[in-house]
Each structure stands twice: as structure tokens, then as C-alpha cells.
Protein backbone atom coordinates (compact mmCIF):
# COMPACT_ATOMS: atom_id res chain seq x y z
CA UNK A 1 175.76 71.31 244.11
CA UNK A 2 173.16 70.96 246.84
CA UNK A 3 173.91 69.21 250.10
CA UNK A 4 171.37 66.47 249.28
CA UNK A 5 173.04 65.80 245.92
CA UNK A 6 176.45 65.67 247.61
CA UNK A 7 175.15 63.21 250.18
CA UNK A 8 173.48 61.10 247.49
CA UNK A 9 176.78 60.93 245.62
CA UNK A 10 178.58 59.78 248.76
CA UNK A 11 175.83 57.19 249.39
CA UNK A 12 176.27 55.87 245.85
CA UNK A 13 180.04 55.58 246.29
CA UNK A 14 179.60 53.76 249.59
CA UNK A 15 177.09 51.40 247.96
CA UNK A 16 179.69 50.56 245.32
CA UNK A 17 182.28 49.97 248.04
CA UNK A 18 179.86 47.63 249.84
CA UNK A 19 179.40 45.63 246.64
CA UNK A 20 183.17 45.34 246.30
CA UNK A 21 183.50 44.17 249.89
CA UNK A 22 180.82 41.55 249.19
CA UNK A 23 182.76 40.37 246.13
CA UNK A 24 185.90 40.08 248.25
CA UNK A 25 184.01 38.12 250.89
CA UNK A 26 182.74 35.73 248.22
CA UNK A 27 186.25 35.29 246.82
CA UNK A 28 187.87 34.72 250.21
CA UNK A 29 185.18 32.18 251.15
CA UNK A 30 185.89 30.31 247.94
CA UNK A 31 189.65 30.49 248.45
CA UNK A 32 189.26 29.30 252.05
CA UNK A 33 187.25 26.28 250.91
CA UNK A 34 189.85 25.40 248.26
CA UNK A 35 192.90 25.89 250.49
CA UNK A 36 194.62 22.75 251.67
CA UNK A 37 197.08 24.28 254.11
CA UNK A 38 195.88 25.26 257.57
CA UNK A 39 198.07 28.38 257.44
CA UNK A 40 196.45 29.45 254.19
CA UNK A 41 192.98 28.70 255.59
CA UNK A 42 193.74 30.87 258.63
CA UNK A 43 194.92 33.68 256.35
CA UNK A 44 191.70 33.57 254.35
CA UNK A 45 189.66 33.41 257.56
CA UNK A 46 191.41 36.56 258.78
CA UNK A 47 190.79 38.28 255.47
CA UNK A 48 187.12 37.26 255.62
CA UNK A 49 186.78 38.75 259.10
CA UNK A 50 188.36 42.00 257.93
CA UNK A 51 186.15 42.26 254.86
CA UNK A 52 183.03 41.59 256.93
CA UNK A 53 184.10 44.32 259.35
CA UNK A 54 184.67 46.72 256.44
CA UNK A 55 181.25 45.92 255.04
CA UNK A 56 179.59 46.46 258.42
CA UNK A 57 181.38 49.79 258.85
CA UNK A 58 180.34 50.92 255.38
CA UNK A 59 176.72 49.86 255.98
CA UNK A 60 176.71 51.87 259.19
CA UNK A 61 178.03 54.93 257.41
CA UNK A 62 175.49 54.47 254.59
CA UNK A 63 172.69 54.34 257.16
CA UNK A 64 173.95 57.60 258.69
CA UNK A 65 174.14 59.32 255.31
CA UNK A 66 170.65 58.18 254.33
CA UNK A 67 169.35 59.55 257.64
CA UNK A 68 171.12 62.83 256.91
CA UNK A 69 169.54 62.94 253.44
CA UNK A 70 166.10 62.40 254.99
CA UNK A 71 166.81 65.14 257.52
CA UNK A 72 167.87 67.56 254.77
CA UNK A 73 164.72 66.77 252.81
CA UNK A 74 162.56 67.49 255.87
CA UNK A 75 164.33 70.85 256.34
CA UNK A 76 163.61 71.85 252.77
CA UNK A 77 159.85 71.26 253.09
């Protein structure tokens, strides 16, 4: 398999992971709004922060991979 195809596959997997992080964020926001206990609210707030950090990290990695794909395409021209 070519390097570009490998990188595209990784980019697709990361895109799926980002979507899953977004779903988790949506769920934790909902759960936070519904929680009645301050301890539970704090727990969901912490989970939200972690999921947002995961999403940001994945988006950064996706950006790097897309740049690498572009670089590989330029090399092959």
C-alpha cells in the first residue's frame, strides 16, 4: 500500500475518533444539565474537559497527517 493511502486510512480513523469524541461531549453536556448533585455536575464537567482535550489533540494530529498527505502528493508530481 502506498504511503498516501496509509496516511489517508489513518486520517479516516482519526476522523471517526473525532466524531466519537463529539458524541461524548454532547452526552456529557446533556448529563451535566440533568444532574442535580454538585458532585455529579463536577464529574461531568471534568469529563467534558477531557473529551474536549482529546478532540483538540485528534484535530491537531489530523491536521498534521493531512499536511503530510499534501507533501507526499507534491513529491510524486
